[in-house]
Amino acid sequence: MIPNTFLPAFAPVDQSGGRGLMIFVFQMAAIIAIFYFLIIRPKVQQERKHRDRLQQLKRGDEVVTAGGLVGEVIHLKDDRVTLKTGESRVVVQRDRIAEIRTPKVAEEEKKPS
């Protein structure tokens, strides 16, 4: 004979458990899709756009480095950029440039909406 303490373990299982699993999987897929389209995808597009702008960098562009230095590009060489900041010149890595300020962008910021 089986003791009474084990009887609940052998009780019949409700057959609707599969439906609950399907709902859970659907909810998780929806959360992942929302997370991807609201957070991951825009960040990847922004990084790609910034990388493309760094490749199109040219002499005369005003840039801001990740450290906060503001300067004008005077020389480009592979992965290094020489900036003129006031009277001094600084060599920085190309990927350390955080922002590119072109004259057109500066003019658009000054225009009142």
PDB file of N, CA and C in Angstrom:
ATOM      1  N   MET A   1       0.824  -1.196   0.000  1.00  0.00           N
ATOM      2  CA  MET A   1       0.000   0.000   0.000  1.00  0.00           C
ATOM      3  C   MET A   1       0.869   1.260   0.000  1.00  0.00           C
ATOM      4  N   ILE A   2       0.324   2.314  -0.580  1.00  0.00           N
ATOM      5  CA  ILE A   2       1.008   3.602  -0.656  1.00  0.00           C
ATOM      6  C   ILE A   2       0.530   4.457   0.513  1.00  0.00           C
ATOM      7  N   PRO A   3       1.453   5.045   1.275  1.00  0.00           N
ATOM      8  CA  PRO A   3       1.018   5.913   2.379  1.00  0.00           C
ATOM      9  C   PRO A   3       0.276   7.140   1.843  1.00  0.00           C
ATOM     10  N   ASN A   4      -0.574   7.712   2.669  1.00  0.00           N
ATOM     11  CA  ASN A   4      -1.398   8.862   2.274  1.00  0.00           C
ATOM     12  C   ASN A   4      -0.567  10.106   1.953  1.00  0.00           C
ATOM     13  N   THR A   5       0.659  10.197   2.425  1.00  0.00           N
ATOM     14  CA  THR A   5       1.467  11.386   2.155  1.00  0.00           C
ATOM     15  C   THR A   5       1.893  11.487   0.695  1.00  0.00           C
ATOM     16  N   PHE A   6       1.928  10.367  -0.021  1.00  0.00           N
ATOM     17  CA  PHE A   6       2.344  10.379  -1.428  1.00  0.00           C
ATOM     18  C   PHE A   6       1.181  10.502  -2.405  1.00  0.00           C
ATOM     19  N   LEU A   7      -0.044  10.430  -1.930  1.00  0.00           N
ATOM     20  CA  LEU A   7      -1.197  10.458  -2.830  1.00  0.00           C
ATOM     21  C   LEU A   7      -1.316  11.759  -3.632  1.00  0.00           C
ATOM     22  N   PRO A   8      -1.046  12.936  -3.055  1.00  0.00           N
ATOM     23  CA  PRO A   8      -1.144  14.147  -3.891  1.00  0.00           C
ATOM     24  C   PRO A   8      -0.164  14.138  -5.070  1.00  0.00           C
ATOM     25  N   ALA A   9       0.959  13.460  -4.941  1.00  0.00           N
ATOM     26  CA  ALA A   9       1.927  13.403  -6.035  1.00  0.00           C
ATOM     27  C   ALA A   9       1.403  12.596  -7.209  1.00  0.00           C
ATOM     28  N   PHE A  10       0.486  11.668  -6.936  1.00  0.00           N
ATOM     29  CA  PHE A  10      -0.060  10.824  -7.995  1.00  0.00           C
ATOM     30  C   PHE A  10      -1.441  11.275  -8.440  1.00  0.00           C
ATOM     31  N   ALA A  11      -1.866  12.451  -7.997  1.00  0.00           N
ATOM     32  CA  ALA A  11      -3.185  12.957  -8.371  1.00  0.00           C
ATOM     33  C   ALA A  11      -3.197  13.275  -9.856  1.00  0.00           C
ATOM     34  N   PRO A  12      -4.353  13.177 -10.513  1.00  0.00           N
ATOM     35  CA  PRO A  12      -4.426  13.474 -11.951  1.00  0.00           C
ATOM     36  C   PRO A  12      -4.076  14.940 -12.225  1.00  0.00           C
ATOM     37  N   VAL A  13      -3.339  15.157 -13.309  1.00  0.00           N
ATOM     38  CA  VAL A  13      -2.884  16.490 -13.690  1.00  0.00           C
ATOM     39  C   VAL A  13      -3.890  17.105 -14.645  1.00  0.00           C
ATOM     40  N   ASP A  14      -4.163  18.410 -14.462  1.00  0.00           N
ATOM     41  CA  ASP A  14      -5.055  19.131 -15.363  1.00  0.00           C
ATOM     42  C   ASP A  14      -4.385  19.222 -16.732  1.00  0.00           C
ATOM     43  N   GLN A  15      -5.086  18.950 -17.799  1.00  0.00           N
ATOM     44  CA  GLN A  15      -4.519  18.906 -19.142  1.00  0.00           C
ATOM     45  C   GLN A  15      -4.398  20.283 -19.791  1.00  0.00           C
ATOM     46  N   SER A  16      -4.792  21.355 -19.116  1.00  0.00           N
ATOM     47  CA  SER A  16      -4.696  22.689 -19.713  1.00  0.00           C
ATOM     48  C   SER A  16      -3.321  23.320 -19.486  1.00  0.00           C
ATOM     49  N   GLY A  17      -2.356  22.605 -18.952  1.00  0.00           N
ATOM     50  CA  GLY A  17      -1.021  23.134 -18.697  1.00  0.00           C
ATOM     51  C   GLY A  17      -0.296  23.521 -19.971  1.00  0.00           C
ATOM     52  N   GLY A  18      -0.536  22.867 -21.068  1.00  0.00           N
ATOM     53  CA  GLY A  18       0.104  23.189 -22.336  1.00  0.00           C
ATOM     54  C   GLY A  18      -0.291  24.561 -22.851  1.00  0.00           C
ATOM     55  N   ARG A  19      -1.526  24.938 -22.630  1.00  0.00           N
ATOM     56  CA  ARG A  19      -2.006  26.241 -23.073  1.00  0.00           C
ATOM     57  C   ARG A  19      -1.300  27.354 -22.293  1.00  0.00           C
ATOM     58  N   GLY A  20      -1.089  27.145 -21.007  1.00  0.00           N
ATOM     59  CA  GLY A  20      -0.386  28.130 -20.188  1.00  0.00           C
ATOM     60  C   GLY A  20       1.046  28.326 -20.658  1.00  0.00           C
ATOM     61  N   LEU A  21       1.683  27.243 -21.069  1.00  0.00           N
ATOM     62  CA  LEU A  21       3.048  27.326 -21.579  1.00  0.00           C
ATOM     63  C   LEU A  21       3.087  28.108 -22.890  1.00  0.00           C
ATOM     64  N   MET A  22       2.107  27.885 -23.745  1.00  0.00           N
ATOM     65  CA  MET A  22       2.057  28.611 -25.022  1.00  0.00           C
ATOM     66  C   MET A  22       1.865  30.107 -24.779  1.00  0.00           C
ATOM     67  N   ILE A  23       1.022  30.460 -23.826  1.00  0.00           N
ATOM     68  CA  ILE A  23       0.809  31.875 -23.509  1.00  0.00           C
ATOM     69  C   ILE A  23       2.100  32.489 -22.978  1.00  0.00           C
ATOM     70  N   PHE A  24       2.795  31.767 -22.105  1.00  0.00           N
ATOM     71  CA  PHE A  24       4.061  32.253 -21.552  1.00  0.00           C
ATOM     72  C   PHE A  24       5.089  32.472 -22.658  1.00  0.00           C
ATOM     73  N   VAL A  25       5.224  31.529 -23.565  1.00  0.00           N
ATOM     74  CA  VAL A  25       6.187  31.654 -24.663  1.00  0.00           C
ATOM     75  C   VAL A  25       5.827  32.847 -25.548  1.00  0.00           C
ATOM     76  N   PHE A  26       4.540  33.028 -25.830  1.00  0.00           N
ATOM     77  CA  PHE A  26       4.105  34.164 -26.639  1.00  0.00           C
ATOM     78  C   PHE A  26       4.423  35.485 -25.939  1.00  0.00           C
ATOM     79  N   GLN A  27       4.164  35.568 -24.634  1.00  0.00           N
ATOM     80  CA  GLN A  27       4.454  36.790 -23.890  1.00  0.00           C
ATOM     81  C   GLN A  27       5.949  37.099 -23.886  1.00  0.00           C
ATOM     82  N   MET A  28       6.769  36.095 -23.689  1.00  0.00           N
ATOM     83  CA  MET A  28       8.214  36.310 -23.679  1.00  0.00           C
ATOM     84  C   MET A  28       8.702  36.761 -25.058  1.00  0.00           C
ATOM     85  N   ALA A  29       8.162  36.176 -26.120  1.00  0.00           N
ATOM     86  CA  ALA A  29       8.538  36.586 -27.475  1.00  0.00           C
ATOM     87  C   ALA A  29       8.129  38.044 -27.719  1.00  0.00           C
ATOM     88  N   ALA A  30       6.956  38.430 -27.233  1.00  0.00           N
ATOM     89  CA  ALA A  30       6.500  39.811 -27.397  1.00  0.00           C
ATOM     90  C   ALA A  30       7.403  40.776 -26.628  1.00  0.00           C
ATOM     91  N   ILE A  31       7.804  40.410 -25.423  1.00  0.00           N
ATOM     92  CA  ILE A  31       8.683  41.269 -24.624  1.00  0.00           C
ATOM     93  C   ILE A  31      10.039  41.419 -25.305  1.00  0.00           C
ATOM     94  N   ILE A  32      10.573  40.323 -25.822  1.00  0.00           N
ATOM     95  CA  ILE A  32      11.867  40.374 -26.512  1.00  0.00           C
ATOM     96  C   ILE A  32      11.768  41.243 -27.766  1.00  0.00           C
ATOM     97  N   ALA A  33      10.672  41.111 -28.519  1.00  0.00           N
ATOM     98  CA  ALA A  33      10.493  41.921 -29.731  1.00  0.00           C
ATOM     99  C   ALA A  33      10.396  43.408 -29.387  1.00  0.00           C
ATOM    100  N   ILE A  34       9.640  43.734 -28.351  1.00  0.00           N
ATOM    101  CA  ILE A  34       9.513  45.134 -27.933  1.00  0.00           C
ATOM    102  C   ILE A  34      10.866  45.674 -27.493  1.00  0.00           C
ATOM    103  N   PHE A  35      11.599  44.898 -26.700  1.00  0.00           N
ATOM    104  CA  PHE A  35      12.923  45.296 -26.235  1.00  0.00           C
ATOM    105  C   PHE A  35      13.848  45.542 -27.425  1.00  0.00           C
ATOM    106  N   TYR A  36      13.802  44.661 -28.419  1.00  0.00           N
ATOM    107  CA  TYR A  36      14.664  44.805 -29.594  1.00  0.00           C
ATOM    108  C   TYR A  36      14.341  46.085 -30.364  1.00  0.00           C
ATOM    109  N   PHE A  37      13.054  46.313 -30.652  1.00  0.00           N
ATOM    110  CA  PHE A  37      12.686  47.446 -31.497  1.00  0.00           C
ATOM    111  C   PHE A  37      12.749  48.789 -30.774  1.00  0.00           C
ATOM    112  N   LEU A  38      12.640  48.806 -29.451  1.00  0.00           N
ATOM    113  CA  LEU A  38      12.684  50.071 -28.727  1.00  0.00           C
ATOM    114  C   LEU A  38      14.063  50.426 -28.194  1.00  0.00           C
ATOM    115  N   ILE A  39      14.919  49.431 -27.976  1.00  0.00           N
ATOM    116  CA  ILE A  39      16.211  49.715 -27.357  1.00  0.00           C
ATOM    117  C   ILE A  39      17.386  49.309 -28.238  1.00  0.00           C
ATOM    118  N   ILE A  40      17.445  48.068 -28.639  1.00  0.00           N
ATOM    119  CA  ILE A  40      18.633  47.554 -29.328  1.00  0.00           C
ATOM    120  C   ILE A  40      18.763  48.118 -30.737  1.00  0.00           C
ATOM    121  N   ARG A  41      17.718  48.039 -31.534  1.00  0.00           N
ATOM    122  CA  ARG A  41      17.793  48.458 -32.936  1.00  0.00           C
ATOM    123  C   ARG A  41      18.145  49.942 -33.097  1.00  0.00           C
ATOM    124  N   PRO A  42      17.502  50.858 -32.366  1.00  0.00           N
ATOM    125  CA  PRO A  42      17.900  52.267 -32.508  1.00  0.00           C
ATOM    126  C   PRO A  42      19.351  52.517 -32.111  1.00  0.00           C
ATOM    127  N   LYS A  43      19.832  51.823 -31.089  1.00  0.00           N
ATOM    128  CA  LYS A  43      21.221  52.001 -30.658  1.00  0.00           C
ATOM    129  C   LYS A  43      22.182  51.529 -31.745  1.00  0.00           C
ATOM    130  N   VAL A  44      21.897  50.396 -32.368  1.00  0.00           N
ATOM    131  CA  VAL A  44      22.753  49.874 -33.435  1.00  0.00           C
ATOM    132  C   VAL A  44      22.751  50.825 -34.630  1.00  0.00           C
ATOM    133  N   GLN A  45      21.585  51.355 -34.979  1.00  0.00           N
ATOM    134  CA  GLN A  45      21.507  52.298 -36.096  1.00  0.00           C
ATOM    135  C   GLN A  45      22.282  53.577 -35.792  1.00  0.00           C
ATOM    136  N   GLN A  46      22.195  54.051 -34.548  1.00  0.00           N
ATOM    137  CA  GLN A  46      22.926  55.249 -34.151  1.00  0.00           C
ATOM    138  C   GLN A  46      24.431  55.007 -34.219  1.00  0.00           C
ATOM    139  N   GLU A  47      24.892  53.847 -33.753  1.00  0.00           N
ATOM    140  CA  GLU A  47      26.317  53.527 -33.812  1.00  0.00           C
ATOM    141  C   GLU A  47      26.802  53.416 -35.256  1.00  0.00           C
ATOM    142  N   ARG A  48      25.998  52.817 -36.121  1.00  0.00           N
ATOM    143  CA  ARG A  48      26.366  52.682 -37.531  1.00  0.00           C
ATOM    144  C   ARG A  48      26.466  54.057 -38.196  1.00  0.00           C
ATOM    145  N   LYS A  49      25.520  54.938 -37.891  1.00  0.00           N
ATOM    146  CA  LYS A  49      25.533  56.285 -38.461  1.00  0.00           C
ATOM    147  C   LYS A  49      26.771  57.055 -37.985  1.00  0.00           C
ATOM    148  N   HIS A  50      27.112  56.918 -36.706  1.00  0.00           N
ATOM    149  CA  HIS A  50      28.293  57.599 -36.163  1.00  0.00           C
ATOM    150  C   HIS A  50      29.572  57.061 -36.804  1.00  0.00           C
ATOM    151  N   ARG A  51      29.651  55.745 -36.977  1.00  0.00           N
ATOM    152  CA  ARG A  51      30.825  55.125 -37.607  1.00  0.00           C
ATOM    153  C   ARG A  51      30.975  55.612 -39.047  1.00  0.00           C
ATOM    154  N   ASP A  52      29.861  55.738 -39.769  1.00  0.00           N
ATOM    155  CA  ASP A  52      29.908  56.247 -41.148  1.00  0.00           C
ATOM    156  C   ASP A  52      30.381  57.701 -41.181  1.00  0.00           C
ATOM    157  N   ARG A  53      29.911  58.503 -40.230  1.00  0.00           N
ATOM    158  CA  ARG A  53      30.342  59.906 -40.179  1.00  0.00           C
ATOM    159  C   ARG A  53      31.824  60.011 -39.862  1.00  0.00           C
ATOM    160  N   LEU A  54      32.342  59.105 -39.021  1.00  0.00           N
ATOM    161  CA  LEU A  54      33.775  59.123 -38.720  1.00  0.00           C
ATOM    162  C   LEU A  54      34.596  58.789 -39.960  1.00  0.00           C
ATOM    163  N   GLN A  55      34.078  57.910 -40.814  1.00  0.00           N
ATOM    164  CA  GLN A  55      34.788  57.567 -42.039  1.00  0.00           C
ATOM    165  C   GLN A  55      34.782  58.731 -43.027  1.00  0.00           C
ATOM    166  N   GLN A  56      33.772  59.583 -42.967  1.00  0.00           N
ATOM    167  CA  GLN A  56      33.659  60.720 -43.881  1.00  0.00           C
ATOM    168  C   GLN A  56      34.297  61.987 -43.311  1.00  0.00           C
ATOM    169  N   LEU A  57      34.966  61.874 -42.185  1.00  0.00           N
ATOM    170  CA  LEU A  57      35.614  63.013 -41.542  1.00  0.00           C
ATOM    171  C   LEU A  57      36.630  63.635 -42.497  1.00  0.00           C
ATOM    172  N   LYS A  58      36.684  64.970 -42.530  1.00  0.00           N
ATOM    173  CA  LYS A  58      37.617  65.650 -43.431  1.00  0.00           C
ATOM    174  C   LYS A  58      38.226  66.852 -42.721  1.00  0.00           C
ATOM    175  N   ARG A  59      39.244  67.406 -43.345  1.00  0.00           N
ATOM    176  CA  ARG A  59      39.904  68.593 -42.783  1.00  0.00           C
ATOM    177  C   ARG A  59      38.903  69.726 -42.657  1.00  0.00           C
ATOM    178  N   GLY A  60      39.021  70.462 -41.573  1.00  0.00           N
ATOM    179  CA  GLY A  60      38.145  71.607 -41.363  1.00  0.00           C
ATOM    180  C   GLY A  60      36.923  71.306 -40.515  1.00  0.00           C
ATOM    181  N   ASP A  61      36.598  70.035 -40.311  1.00  0.00           N
ATOM    182  CA  ASP A  61      35.455  69.685 -39.472  1.00  0.00           C
ATOM    183  C   ASP A  61      35.774  69.983 -38.015  1.00  0.00           C
ATOM    184  N   GLU A  62      34.796  70.491 -37.314  1.00  0.00           N
ATOM    185  CA  GLU A  62      34.950  70.715 -35.879  1.00  0.00           C
ATOM    186  C   GLU A  62      34.409  69.486 -35.156  1.00  0.00           C
ATOM    187  N   VAL A  63      35.185  68.961 -34.216  1.00  0.00           N
ATOM    188  CA  VAL A  63      34.804  67.738 -33.521  1.00  0.00           C
ATOM    189  C   VAL A  63      34.934  67.925 -32.010  1.00  0.00           C
ATOM    190  N   VAL A  64      34.245  67.050 -31.289  1.00  0.00           N
ATOM    191  CA  VAL A  64      34.351  66.984 -29.835  1.00  0.00           C
ATOM    192  C   VAL A  64      34.792  65.568 -29.499  1.00  0.00           C
ATOM    193  N   THR A  65      35.850  65.447 -28.705  1.00  0.00           N
ATOM    194  CA  THR A  65      36.344  64.120 -28.331  1.00  0.00           C
ATOM    195  C   THR A  65      35.558  63.590 -27.140  1.00  0.00           C
ATOM    196  N   ALA A  66      35.765  62.311 -26.839  1.00  0.00           N
ATOM    197  CA  ALA A  66      35.103  61.694 -25.696  1.00  0.00           C
ATOM    198  C   ALA A  66      35.550  62.342 -24.389  1.00  0.00           C
ATOM    199  N   GLY A  67      36.737  62.914 -24.367  1.00  0.00           N
ATOM    200  CA  GLY A  67      37.237  63.602 -23.183  1.00  0.00           C
ATOM    201  C   GLY A  67      36.765  65.036 -23.063  1.00  0.00           C
ATOM    202  N   GLY A  68      36.072  65.538 -24.078  1.00  0.00           N
ATOM    203  CA  GLY A  68      35.530  66.888 -24.026  1.00  0.00           C
ATOM    204  C   GLY A  68      36.336  67.939 -24.761  1.00  0.00           C
ATOM    205  N   LEU A  69      37.424  67.556 -25.416  1.00  0.00           N
ATOM    206  CA  LEU A  69      38.207  68.526 -26.188  1.00  0.00           C
ATOM    207  C   LEU A  69      37.451  68.906 -27.455  1.00  0.00           C
ATOM    208  N   VAL A  70      37.443  70.183 -27.748  1.00  0.00           N
ATOM    209  CA  VAL A  70      36.821  70.679 -28.973  1.00  0.00           C
ATOM    210  C   VAL A  70      37.937  71.196 -29.856  1.00  0.00           C
ATOM    211  N   GLY A  71      37.933  70.747 -31.103  1.00  0.00           N
ATOM    212  CA  GLY A  71      38.987  71.188 -32.002  1.00  0.00           C
ATOM    213  C   GLY A  71      38.611  71.018 -33.451  1.00  0.00           C
ATOM    214  N   GLU A  72      39.476  71.548 -34.305  1.00  0.00           N
ATOM    215  CA  GLU A  72      39.279  71.466 -35.752  1.00  0.00           C
ATOM    216  C   GLU A  72      40.244  70.433 -36.315  1.00  0.00           C
ATOM    217  N   VAL A  73      39.738  69.584 -37.196  1.00  0.00           N
ATOM    218  CA  VAL A  73      40.567  68.547 -37.807  1.00  0.00           C
ATOM    219  C   VAL A  73      41.530  69.208 -38.782  1.00  0.00           C
ATOM    220  N   ILE A  74      42.839  68.935 -38.590  1.00  0.00           N
ATOM    221  CA  ILE A  74      43.823  69.489 -39.518  1.00  0.00           C
ATOM    222  C   ILE A  74      44.589  68.402 -40.254  1.00  0.00           C
ATOM    223  N   HIS A  75      44.555  67.167 -39.738  1.00  0.00           N
ATOM    224  CA  HIS A  75      45.267  66.081 -40.413  1.00  0.00           C
ATOM    225  C   HIS A  75      44.608  64.752 -40.055  1.00  0.00           C
ATOM    226  N   LEU A  76      44.439  63.895 -41.067  1.00  0.00           N
ATOM    227  CA  LEU A  76      43.857  62.566 -40.881  1.00  0.00           C
ATOM    228  C   LEU A  76      44.862  61.512 -41.306  1.00  0.00           C
ATOM    229  N   LYS A  77      44.987  60.466 -40.500  1.00  0.00           N
ATOM    230  CA  LYS A  77      45.879  59.369 -40.854  1.00  0.00           C
ATOM    231  C   LYS A  77      45.318  58.086 -40.249  1.00  0.00           C
ATOM    232  N   ASP A  78      44.854  57.185 -41.087  1.00  0.00           N
ATOM    233  CA  ASP A  78      44.301  55.894 -40.672  1.00  0.00           C
ATOM    234  C   ASP A  78      43.385  56.032 -39.453  1.00  0.00           C
ATOM    235  N   ASP A  79      43.884  55.625 -38.278  1.00  0.00           N
ATOM    236  CA  ASP A  79      43.042  55.648 -37.086  1.00  0.00           C
ATOM    237  C   ASP A  79      43.353  56.822 -36.160  1.00  0.00           C
ATOM    238  N   ARG A  80      44.151  57.782 -36.636  1.00  0.00           N
ATOM    239  CA  ARG A  80      44.512  58.947 -35.813  1.00  0.00           C
ATOM    240  C   ARG A  80      44.094  60.241 -36.501  1.00  0.00           C
ATOM    241  N   VAL A  81      43.727  61.200 -35.670  1.00  0.00           N
ATOM    242  CA  VAL A  81      43.286  62.501 -36.157  1.00  0.00           C
ATOM    243  C   VAL A  81      44.045  63.570 -35.377  1.00  0.00           C
ATOM    244  N   THR A  82      44.574  64.555 -36.087  1.00  0.00           N
ATOM    245  CA  THR A  82      45.241  65.677 -35.426  1.00  0.00           C
ATOM    246  C   THR A  82      44.255  66.834 -35.357  1.00  0.00           C
ATOM    247  N   LEU A  83      44.066  67.347 -34.142  1.00  0.00           N
ATOM    248  CA  LEU A  83      43.130  68.437 -33.911  1.00  0.00           C
ATOM    249  C   LEU A  83      43.880  69.694 -33.516  1.00  0.00           C
ATOM    250  N   LYS A  84      43.370  70.822 -33.979  1.00  0.00           N
ATOM    251  CA  LYS A  84      43.903  72.112 -33.552  1.00  0.00           C
ATOM    252  C   LYS A  84      42.928  72.652 -32.504  1.00  0.00           C
ATOM    253  N   THR A  85      43.437  72.795 -31.287  1.00  0.00           N
ATOM    254  CA  THR A  85      42.619  73.329 -30.198  1.00  0.00           C
ATOM    255  C   THR A  85      43.290  74.601 -29.703  1.00  0.00           C
ATOM    256  N   GLY A  86      42.757  75.710 -30.094  1.00  0.00           N
ATOM    257  CA  GLY A  86      43.394  76.981 -29.743  1.00  0.00           C
ATOM    258  C   GLY A  86      44.715  77.100 -30.480  1.00  0.00           C
ATOM    259  N   GLU A  87      45.809  77.240 -29.740  1.00  0.00           N
ATOM    260  CA  GLU A  87      47.140  77.344 -30.338  1.00  0.00           C
ATOM    261  C   GLU A  87      47.885  76.012 -30.338  1.00  0.00           C
ATOM    262  N   SER A  88      47.336  74.985 -29.723  1.00  0.00           N
ATOM    263  CA  SER A  88      48.039  73.700 -29.647  1.00  0.00           C
ATOM    264  C   SER A  88      47.416  72.678 -30.588  1.00  0.00           C
ATOM    265  N   ARG A  89      48.158  71.610 -30.790  1.00  0.00           N
ATOM    266  CA  ARG A  89      47.687  70.508 -31.625  1.00  0.00           C
ATOM    267  C   ARG A  89      47.686  69.240 -30.789  1.00  0.00           C
ATOM    268  N   VAL A  90      46.654  68.430 -30.979  1.00  0.00           N
ATOM    269  CA  VAL A  90      46.488  67.202 -30.212  1.00  0.00           C
ATOM    270  C   VAL A  90      46.193  66.072 -31.187  1.00  0.00           C
ATOM    271  N   VAL A  91      46.835  64.921 -30.964  1.00  0.00           N
ATOM    272  CA  VAL A  91      46.566  63.736 -31.772  1.00  0.00           C
ATOM    273  C   VAL A  91      45.664  62.817 -30.957  1.00  0.00           C
ATOM    274  N   VAL A  92      44.532  62.432 -31.541  1.00  0.00           N
ATOM    275  CA  VAL A  92      43.591  61.535 -30.864  1.00  0.00           C
ATOM    276  C   VAL A  92      43.252  60.375 -31.792  1.00  0.00           C
ATOM    277  N   GLN A  93      42.780  59.303 -31.204  1.00  0.00           N
ATOM    278  CA  GLN A  93      42.315  58.177 -32.010  1.00  0.00           C
ATOM    279  C   GLN A  93      40.976  58.544 -32.627  1.00  0.00           C
ATOM    280  N   ARG A  94      40.759  58.062 -33.827  1.00  0.00           N
ATOM    281  CA  ARG A  94      39.538  58.396 -34.557  1.00  0.00           C
ATOM    282  C   ARG A  94      38.287  57.934 -33.809  1.00  0.00           C
ATOM    283  N   ASP A  95      38.347  56.765 -33.180  1.00  0.00           N
ATOM    284  CA  ASP A  95      37.155  56.253 -32.501  1.00  0.00           C
ATOM    285  C   ASP A  95      36.882  56.944 -31.165  1.00  0.00           C
ATOM    286  N   ARG A  96      37.750  57.853 -30.736  1.00  0.00           N
ATOM    287  CA  ARG A  96      37.527  58.633 -29.510  1.00  0.00           C
ATOM    288  C   ARG A  96      36.784  59.929 -29.804  1.00  0.00           C
ATOM    289  N   ILE A  97      36.437  60.164 -31.064  1.00  0.00           N
ATOM    290  CA  ILE A  97      35.664  61.351 -31.422  1.00  0.00           C
ATOM    291  C   ILE A  97      34.199  61.051 -31.144  1.00  0.00           C
ATOM    292  N   ALA A  98      33.617  61.852 -30.262  1.00  0.00           N
ATOM    293  CA  ALA A  98      32.247  61.603 -29.834  1.00  0.00           C
ATOM    294  C   ALA A  98      31.219  62.322 -30.700  1.00  0.00           C
ATOM    295  N   GLU A  99      31.585  63.489 -31.222  1.00  0.00           N
ATOM    296  CA  GLU A  99      30.619  64.292 -31.968  1.00  0.00           C
ATOM    297  C   GLU A  99      31.333  65.059 -33.069  1.00  0.00           C
ATOM    298  N   ILE A 100      30.673  65.170 -34.204  1.00  0.00           N
ATOM    299  CA  ILE A 100      31.213  65.944 -35.318  1.00  0.00           C
ATOM    300  C   ILE A 100      30.291  67.132 -35.530  1.00  0.00           C
ATOM    301  N   ARG A 101      30.863  68.310 -35.400  1.00  0.00           N
ATOM    302  CA  ARG A 101      30.086  69.536 -35.575  1.00  0.00           C
ATOM    303  C   ARG A 101      30.496  70.178 -36.882  1.00  0.00           C
ATOM    304  N   THR A 102      29.648  70.061 -37.870  1.00  0.00           N
ATOM    305  CA  THR A 102      29.921  70.703 -39.150  1.00  0.00           C
ATOM    306  C   THR A 102      29.273  72.081 -39.140  1.00  0.00           C
ATOM    307  N   PRO A 103      29.735  72.991 -39.963  1.00  0.00           N
ATOM    308  CA  PRO A 103      29.135  74.331 -39.991  1.00  0.00           C
ATOM    309  C   PRO A 103      27.637  74.298 -40.271  1.00  0.00           C
ATOM    310  N   LYS A 104      27.182  73.373 -41.112  1.00  0.00           N
ATOM    311  CA  LYS A 104      25.765  73.294 -41.437  1.00  0.00           C
ATOM    312  C   LYS A 104      24.951  72.939 -40.195  1.00  0.00           C
ATOM    313  N   VAL A 105      25.449  72.004 -39.394  1.00  0.00           N
ATOM    314  CA  VAL A 105      24.750  71.605 -38.178  1.00  0.00           C
ATOM    315  C   VAL A 105      24.712  72.757 -37.188  1.00  0.00           C
ATOM    316  N   ALA A 106      25.811  73.486 -37.068  1.00  0.00           N
ATOM    317  CA  ALA A 106      25.865  74.620 -36.147  1.00  0.00           C
ATOM    318  C   ALA A 106      24.866  75.701 -36.555  1.00  0.00           C
ATOM    319  N   GLU A 107      24.707  75.939 -37.853  1.00  0.00           N
ATOM    320  CA  GLU A 107      23.756  76.942 -38.325  1.00  0.00           C
ATOM    321  C   GLU A 107      22.328  76.511 -38.045  1.00  0.00           C
ATOM    322  N   GLU A 108      22.028  75.206 -38.204  1.00  0.00           N
ATOM    323  CA  GLU A 108      20.679  74.712 -37.953  1.00  0.00           C
ATOM    324  C   GLU A 108      20.320  74.827 -36.479  1.00  0.00           C
ATOM    325  N   GLU A 109      21.292  74.647 -35.588  1.00  0.00           N
ATOM    326  CA  GLU A 109      21.031  74.758 -34.158  1.00  0.00           C
ATOM    327  C   GLU A 109      20.728  76.200 -33.768  1.00  0.00           C
ATOM    328  N   LYS A 110      21.314  77.163 -34.465  1.00  0.00           N
ATOM    329  CA  LYS A 110      21.116  78.573 -34.136  1.00  0.00           C
ATOM    330  C   LYS A 110      19.775  79.099 -34.626  1.00  0.00           C
ATOM    331  N   LYS A 111      19.206  78.480 -35.674  1.00  0.00           N
ATOM    332  CA  LYS A 111      17.952  78.958 -36.237  1.00  0.00           C
ATOM    333  C   LYS A 111      16.812  78.722 -35.246  1.00  0.00           C
ATOM    334  N   PRO A 112      15.987  79.750 -34.986  1.00  0.00           N
ATOM    335  CA  PRO A 112      14.822  79.546 -34.108  1.00  0.00           C
ATOM    336  C   PRO A 112      13.760  78.742 -34.842  1.00  0.00           C
ATOM    337  N   SER A 113      13.069  77.897 -34.107  1.00  0.00           N
ATOM    338  CA  SER A 113      12.032  77.044 -34.717  1.00  0.00           C
ATOM    339  C   SER A 113      10.744  77.784 -34.898  1.00  0.00           C
TER     340      SER A 113
END
